[in-house]
Structure formats: structure tokens, C-alpha cells
Amino acid sequence: MRKSALLLLLLSGAVLTAAGEQPRGKLFIIGGGRRSAGMMEEFVRLAGGPAQARIVVLPMASGDPDTAGMEQVAEFSEIGARAEWVQFTREQALDPASSARLDSATGIFFTGGDQVRVTRAVLGTPLYRKLHELHRRGVVIGGTSAGAAIMSTIMLTGDERLNRDSNNAFVFIKPGNVVTVEGLGFLNTVIVDQHFIRRKRLNRLLSVVLENPAKLGIGIDESTAIVVEPDSTFRVIGDRSVMIFDASGAAHIRANAAGNMGVTGVQLHLLLPGDRFNLRTRSLISEEKRP
């Protein structure tokens, strides 16, 4: 990619909706695993607080959406928030009338499971357009695990093409190995990975970043979340850390005869709870600039 084109991409901002407009809503992206009551209380606060929040849980990623939906609603109810769960099939997502069930939502929350189930149901439907409309007008969109993976335009599926050993996943960094598909695209210049450090997923995310060097790779660990603001900054909350790969300034990305990839100049950031990061400048926001 030419430097001028990359610069234009970076300056255009990282948080853009499918319609190309900067949204007013926040993104609340959890890396999976156990989450504290404080983390979920923060999601409720961003959705308007216990008295005003109306949260809709979307459990399409789960193999048992009824149970996942009920359990997530119960978690929100325990901290005083109103919540309901809605399971959309592909047919329902294609019906514009079905999307009206989200009209009064102040928060949308996607459960864990298999992220491909979500995209198969939602992409290219009135429900997809409704979700982006809600985000544009200020609704907070959140999710955990699979509900984190769906946030980016390039979505990791968890599958591999070259490695057939399911007991040793992502054991190398080679082009064409990691299977990706289109995600919901709330973040269009980053690639999100989840359960990141706990499950040692560095090879997976770095492989995809080297194939898409204009994209920022964000690996969110368990019990940890990033809260993305409309101004393309985010803060880290929770218990663990967030790792970022930035190959936008890297050189000599190549693969040898064995298919192993090489590169020089990749930046790595390891963020802790309380850290803030600017997706436009791709840099940590210093302590001195914090409000």
C-alpha cells in the first residue's frame, strides 16, 4: 500500500459505521471469560443507568440461545437494569418489522458462542442496518467473546486452512492459514481477537495483521474490555491486559519457501486497565493528557 493511501486511511478515523458516518454510540468489547459486576455496571451506566437503560441481549452466537439469553438477562437484572433477549433467525433478520423490537434500546449486548452464527444471520439484512443506525444515534453496542469478534470488518472465525491438528491450533505464522470472513464492521480499521493472552492467540492475530498491515490488531484478554469512544479513542477496563499489533510502518513483509512469514518494524503495545489509546494516531494517550 502506498504511504499516501495509508495516511489517508489513518486520518479518516477508526470508528466509522457502514454508512460512513461517525457514530455517537460507544462500543463495549469484552475479551470473554468471567467479568466482574463492576464491568457490567459500567456497561449499564453507558446505556443510561439502571433507571433508564433498556438493554437488548442478542444470543445468536450461542448453540443454546435460549439459555444464553436468559442467563445474560439475569446478569443485567442482578445489577438493577431492565433487559430482554431476542433471538433473530436469518428469516427474521430479513423482515424489517422484526428490527422494530430494537427501537427503544439504549444498549445492545451480544453473547459468546460462535461468531459465524451471528454474521450468517445478520449481514446484509435490515437488522444489520438497524444495528448501525442505533450505533450512529448513540446506543452502546457491546459483546463478549464471539460478541467481541464480530465488531471488526475483518472477523476471525477460529478456523485454519493449513494446520489440520486441532489439538495444536495456530502453531505457525503463515499467509493464507487463518480463516476470516466479514464481520459487522463497527470498527473498520482494526481486527479484534478475544481470550487473547489466556489462550495464547498471538500467532493467529499477527498472521492476519501481516496480511492486512493497514489494520490494527487488538487482542483483548479474558476478564478485560475496551470501551471505544466516538472520537476513536478507547480505554481499558477489567482485570488483565490488551495487546496491540501495528504493522502499518513495518517493512519487508514476506514468506519464505516453507511459507513462514517474516517482517521488520512491527510495533507492539501491551496495555493495562486504566490505559487509553488513540486509534487515529495509533499511540498511547499519556498520563498528562488524561482528563
Protein backbone atom coordinates (compact mmCIF):
# COMPACT_ATOMS: atom_id res chain seq x y z
CA MET A 1 0.00 0.00 0.00
CA ARG A 2 1.31 3.48 -0.85
CA LYS A 3 2.20 5.67 2.12
CA SER A 4 -0.24 8.39 0.99
CA ALA A 5 -3.12 5.92 0.88
CA LEU A 6 -2.23 4.52 4.29
CA LEU A 7 -2.01 8.02 5.76
CA LEU A 8 -5.43 8.88 4.36
CA LEU A 9 -6.84 5.70 5.89
CA LEU A 10 -5.40 6.51 9.30
CA LEU A 11 -6.57 10.11 9.25
CA SER A 12 -10.08 9.06 8.28
CA GLY A 13 -10.52 7.54 11.75
CA ALA A 14 -11.08 4.05 13.05
CA VAL A 15 -14.67 4.26 14.24
CA LEU A 16 -16.89 4.59 11.22
CA THR A 17 -20.20 2.91 10.61
CA ALA A 18 -21.24 1.03 7.48
CA ALA A 19 -22.84 4.25 6.26
CA GLY A 20 -19.53 6.10 6.57
CA GLU A 21 -20.72 8.37 9.38
CA GLN A 22 -19.02 8.82 12.72
CA PRO A 23 -21.35 7.34 15.34
CA ARG A 24 -22.37 8.84 18.66
CA GLY A 25 -22.54 5.46 20.37
CA LYS A 26 -19.76 3.66 22.22
CA LEU A 27 -18.51 0.11 21.75
CA PHE A 28 -18.01 -2.12 24.80
CA ILE A 29 -15.85 -5.06 23.73
CA ILE A 30 -15.10 -7.82 26.27
CA GLY A 31 -12.42 -10.45 25.64
CA GLY A 32 -14.50 -13.25 27.18
CA GLY A 33 -14.17 -15.21 30.40
CA ARG A 34 -15.51 -14.14 33.77
CA ARG A 35 -16.42 -10.50 34.12
CA SER A 36 -16.82 -8.51 37.30
CA ALA A 37 -20.03 -6.88 38.42
CA GLY A 38 -18.22 -3.58 38.09
CA MET A 39 -17.56 -4.18 34.40
CA MET A 40 -21.21 -4.91 33.68
CA GLU A 41 -22.30 -1.99 35.84
CA GLU A 42 -20.19 0.21 33.58
CA PHE A 43 -22.00 -1.12 30.52
CA VAL A 44 -25.33 -0.34 32.19
CA ARG A 45 -24.12 3.15 33.07
CA LEU A 46 -23.18 3.81 29.45
CA ALA A 47 -26.62 2.56 28.42
CA GLY A 48 -28.29 5.19 30.61
CA GLY A 49 -28.03 3.80 34.13
CA PRO A 50 -30.25 1.29 35.95
CA ALA A 51 -33.29 3.58 35.90
CA GLN A 52 -33.10 4.46 32.21
CA ALA A 53 -31.28 1.62 30.47
CA ARG A 54 -33.20 -0.72 28.20
CA ILE A 55 -30.79 -3.47 27.14
CA VAL A 56 -31.49 -6.00 24.41
CA VAL A 57 -29.41 -9.18 24.54
CA LEU A 58 -28.74 -10.92 21.21
CA PRO A 59 -27.67 -14.56 21.85
CA MET A 60 -27.42 -15.74 18.21
CA ALA A 61 -23.78 -16.86 18.67
CA SER A 62 -24.73 -19.46 21.24
CA GLY A 63 -25.52 -23.08 20.47
CA ASP A 64 -28.22 -22.75 23.14
CA PRO A 65 -29.51 -19.21 22.61
CA ASP A 66 -32.46 -19.58 24.98
CA THR A 67 -30.19 -20.39 27.92
CA ALA A 68 -27.56 -17.83 26.93
CA GLY A 69 -30.19 -15.13 26.55
CA MET A 70 -31.86 -15.87 29.87
CA GLU A 71 -28.56 -16.02 31.75
CA GLN A 72 -27.36 -12.73 30.31
CA VAL A 73 -30.67 -11.03 31.11
CA ALA A 74 -30.40 -12.35 34.66
CA GLU A 75 -26.90 -10.89 34.98
CA PHE A 76 -28.17 -7.45 33.98
CA SER A 77 -31.21 -7.79 36.24
CA GLU A 78 -28.98 -8.54 39.24
CA ILE A 79 -27.42 -5.09 38.89
CA GLY A 80 -30.79 -3.39 38.54
CA ALA A 81 -31.07 -2.95 34.77
CA ARG A 82 -34.03 -3.76 32.55
CA ALA A 83 -33.09 -6.28 29.89
CA GLU A 84 -34.69 -8.71 27.47
CA TRP A 85 -33.27 -11.17 24.98
CA VAL A 86 -34.24 -11.55 21.35
CA GLN A 87 -33.15 -14.43 19.10
CA PHE A 88 -33.19 -13.43 15.43
CA THR A 89 -33.10 -16.12 12.75
CA ARG A 90 -31.94 -15.19 9.26
CA GLU A 91 -35.56 -15.04 8.14
CA GLN A 92 -36.50 -12.72 10.98
CA ALA A 93 -33.45 -10.52 10.35
CA LEU A 94 -34.62 -10.12 6.74
CA ASP A 95 -38.02 -8.87 7.90
CA PRO A 96 -37.86 -5.10 8.53
CA ALA A 97 -40.70 -5.37 11.04
CA SER A 98 -38.60 -7.61 13.29
CA SER A 99 -35.94 -4.93 13.74
CA ALA A 100 -38.52 -2.65 15.34
CA ARG A 101 -38.03 -4.67 18.54
CA LEU A 102 -34.75 -2.79 18.98
CA ASP A 103 -36.20 0.72 18.53
CA SER A 104 -36.26 1.68 22.21
CA ALA A 105 -32.94 0.01 23.14
CA THR A 106 -30.25 2.07 24.82
CA GLY A 107 -27.80 -0.86 24.84
CA ILE A 108 -27.26 -3.94 22.66
CA PHE A 109 -25.26 -6.88 24.01
CA PHE A 110 -24.04 -9.92 22.03
CA THR A 111 -23.30 -13.11 23.97
CA GLY A 112 -20.47 -15.56 23.38
CA GLY A 113 -20.51 -18.68 21.24
CA ASP A 114 -19.63 -18.96 17.54
CA GLN A 115 -19.33 -15.57 15.87
CA VAL A 116 -20.10 -17.00 12.43
CA ARG A 117 -23.63 -17.77 13.60
CA VAL A 118 -24.15 -14.05 14.14
CA THR A 119 -22.84 -12.91 10.78
CA ARG A 120 -24.78 -15.60 8.91
CA ALA A 121 -27.96 -14.32 10.48
CA VAL A 122 -27.32 -10.59 10.30
CA LEU A 123 -25.13 -9.49 7.37
CA GLY A 124 -26.95 -7.80 4.52
CA THR A 125 -30.29 -7.58 6.34
CA PRO A 126 -32.50 -4.81 7.72
CA LEU A 127 -31.34 -5.93 11.18
CA TYR A 128 -27.73 -5.18 10.19
CA ARG A 129 -28.76 -1.70 9.06
CA LYS A 130 -30.79 -1.18 12.24
CA LEU A 131 -27.80 -2.03 14.45
CA HIS A 132 -25.64 0.52 12.66
CA GLU A 133 -28.43 3.09 12.84
CA LEU A 134 -28.69 2.57 16.61
CA HIS A 135 -24.92 2.93 16.99
CA ARG A 136 -24.96 6.15 14.94
CA ARG A 137 -27.61 7.71 17.13
CA GLY A 138 -25.84 6.89 20.41
CA VAL A 139 -26.75 3.37 21.54
CA VAL A 140 -23.88 1.48 23.20
CA ILE A 141 -23.09 -1.80 21.42
CA GLY A 142 -21.35 -4.47 23.48
CA GLY A 143 -20.40 -8.10 23.40
CA THR A 144 -18.19 -10.77 24.88
CA SER A 145 -16.01 -13.45 23.25
CA ALA A 146 -17.80 -14.14 19.93
CA GLY A 147 -19.62 -10.88 20.62
CA ALA A 148 -16.21 -9.19 20.54
CA ALA A 149 -15.01 -10.85 17.33
CA ILE A 150 -18.00 -9.56 15.34
CA MET A 151 -17.10 -5.90 15.98
CA SER A 152 -14.49 -5.57 13.23
CA THR A 153 -14.92 -5.65 9.46
CA ILE A 154 -12.41 -8.49 9.13
CA MET A 155 -13.62 -11.17 11.54
CA LEU A 156 -11.62 -14.12 12.84
CA THR A 157 -13.60 -17.36 12.67
CA GLY A 158 -11.32 -19.57 14.76
CA ASP A 159 -10.62 -21.90 11.80
CA GLU A 160 -7.39 -22.68 9.94
CA ARG A 161 -6.70 -23.75 6.35
CA LEU A 162 -3.17 -25.16 6.57
CA ASN A 163 -2.96 -26.65 10.06
CA ARG A 164 -5.12 -29.76 10.48
CA ASP A 165 -4.04 -30.59 14.03
CA SER A 166 -6.96 -29.43 16.17
CA ASN A 167 -5.01 -30.25 19.35
CA ASN A 168 -2.31 -27.70 18.46
CA ALA A 169 -4.03 -24.68 16.99
CA PHE A 170 -2.22 -21.80 15.26
CA VAL A 171 1.27 -23.20 15.71
CA PHE A 172 2.85 -21.09 12.95
CA ILE A 173 2.65 -17.71 11.24
CA LYS A 174 1.96 -18.33 7.56
CA PRO A 175 -0.09 -16.48 4.95
CA GLY A 176 -3.43 -17.96 3.97
CA ASN A 177 -3.85 -20.03 7.13
CA VAL A 178 -6.25 -18.06 9.33
CA VAL A 179 -9.83 -18.13 8.06
CA THR A 180 -11.55 -14.75 8.19
CA VAL A 181 -14.94 -13.56 6.99
CA GLU A 182 -16.82 -10.28 7.03
CA GLY A 183 -17.82 -9.08 10.49
CA LEU A 184 -20.43 -6.50 11.47
CA GLY A 185 -17.98 -3.66 10.87
CA PHE A 186 -18.47 -1.34 13.81
CA LEU A 187 -14.67 -0.96 13.69
CA ASN A 188 -13.30 -0.88 10.17
CA THR A 189 -9.58 -0.28 10.62
CA VAL A 190 -8.90 -2.86 13.32
CA ILE A 191 -9.12 -6.63 13.75
CA VAL A 192 -10.37 -7.82 17.15
CA ASP A 193 -9.30 -11.05 18.84
CA GLN A 194 -10.53 -12.34 22.19
CA HIS A 195 -9.44 -14.65 25.08
CA PHE A 196 -6.15 -13.37 23.79
CA ILE A 197 -3.30 -13.90 26.23
CA ARG A 198 -5.03 -16.62 28.24
CA ARG A 199 -5.36 -18.80 25.11
CA LYS A 200 -2.06 -17.75 23.50
CA ARG A 201 -3.60 -16.40 20.32
CA LEU A 202 -0.67 -14.20 19.30
CA ASN A 203 0.18 -16.30 16.22
CA ARG A 204 -3.38 -16.06 14.95
CA LEU A 205 -3.76 -12.31 15.19
CA LEU A 206 -0.24 -11.50 14.00
CA SER A 207 -0.76 -13.70 10.93
CA VAL A 208 -3.84 -11.75 9.91
CA VAL A 209 -2.27 -8.37 10.67
CA LEU A 210 0.72 -9.17 8.44
CA GLU A 211 -1.71 -10.00 5.64
CA ASN A 212 -3.61 -6.77 6.34
CA PRO A 213 -0.92 -4.32 7.54
CA ALA A 214 -3.21 -1.28 7.37
CA LYS A 215 -5.39 -2.87 10.07
CA LEU A 216 -4.54 -2.60 13.75
CA GLY A 217 -4.68 -5.92 15.60
CA ILE A 218 -6.29 -5.68 19.03
CA GLY A 219 -6.15 -8.77 21.25
CA ILE A 220 -8.33 -8.45 24.35
CA ASP A 221 -7.68 -10.86 27.21
CA GLU A 222 -10.30 -12.53 29.37
CA SER A 223 -11.99 -10.51 32.13
CA THR A 224 -10.94 -7.38 30.26
CA ALA A 225 -12.70 -4.94 27.94
CA ILE A 226 -12.07 -1.92 25.80
CA VAL A 227 -14.58 0.93 25.68
CA VAL A 228 -14.33 2.65 22.30
CA GLU A 229 -15.44 6.29 22.17
CA PRO A 230 -16.88 8.08 19.13
CA ASP A 231 -13.63 10.08 18.88
CA SER A 232 -11.70 6.87 18.07
CA THR A 233 -10.04 6.54 21.45
CA PHE A 234 -10.54 3.66 23.83
CA ARG A 235 -9.85 2.88 27.48
CA VAL A 236 -9.04 -0.49 29.01
CA ILE A 237 -11.12 -1.75 31.94
CA GLY A 238 -11.20 -5.02 33.85
CA ASP A 239 -8.53 -7.27 35.32
CA ARG A 240 -5.96 -8.18 32.67
CA SER A 241 -4.48 -6.67 29.51
CA VAL A 242 -4.85 -5.77 25.85
CA MET A 243 -2.16 -6.42 23.23
CA ILE A 244 -1.93 -4.40 20.02
CA PHE A 245 -0.02 -5.21 16.83
CA ASP A 246 0.66 -2.30 14.46
CA ALA A 247 2.28 -3.28 11.14
CA SER A 248 1.38 -0.06 9.31
CA GLY A 249 5.01 1.09 9.39
CA ALA A 250 6.55 -2.34 9.00
CA ALA A 251 8.89 -3.28 6.17
CA HIS A 252 9.80 -6.35 4.17
CA ILE A 253 6.71 -8.46 4.88
CA ARG A 254 7.40 -11.74 3.09
CA ALA A 255 7.11 -15.51 3.24
CA ASN A 256 9.93 -17.97 2.59
CA ALA A 257 9.81 -21.23 0.65
CA ALA A 258 8.38 -23.02 3.70
CA GLY A 259 5.59 -20.46 3.92
CA ASN A 260 6.80 -18.91 7.18
CA MET A 261 6.33 -15.16 7.36
CA GLY A 262 8.96 -12.56 8.17
CA VAL A 263 8.75 -8.82 8.84
CA THR A 264 10.69 -5.98 10.40
CA GLY A 265 9.41 -3.00 12.34
CA VAL A 266 6.10 -4.24 13.78
CA GLN A 267 5.05 -2.20 16.82
CA LEU A 268 3.65 -3.97 19.87
CA HIS A 269 1.72 -2.29 22.69
CA LEU A 270 0.66 -4.06 25.89
CA LEU A 271 -2.00 -2.05 27.70
CA LEU A 272 -3.23 -2.35 31.26
CA PRO A 273 -6.52 -1.36 32.89
CA GLY A 274 -6.71 2.42 33.01
CA ASP A 275 -4.64 2.90 29.85
CA ARG A 276 -6.14 4.88 26.99
CA PHE A 277 -5.24 4.51 23.32
CA ASN A 278 -5.87 6.66 20.25
CA LEU A 279 -6.86 4.61 17.21
CA ARG A 280 -6.24 7.51 14.85
CA THR A 281 -2.66 8.21 15.93
CA ARG A 282 -2.08 4.59 16.97
CA SER A 283 -0.48 5.66 20.21
CA LEU A 284 -0.98 5.56 23.96
CA ILE A 285 -2.65 8.64 25.41
CA SER A 286 -0.19 9.87 28.01
CA GLU A 287 -0.99 10.40 31.65
CA GLU A 288 -0.54 14.15 31.24
CA LYS A 289 -3.36 14.33 28.68
CA ARG A 290 -5.86 12.34 30.70
CA PRO A 291 -8.82 14.36 31.98
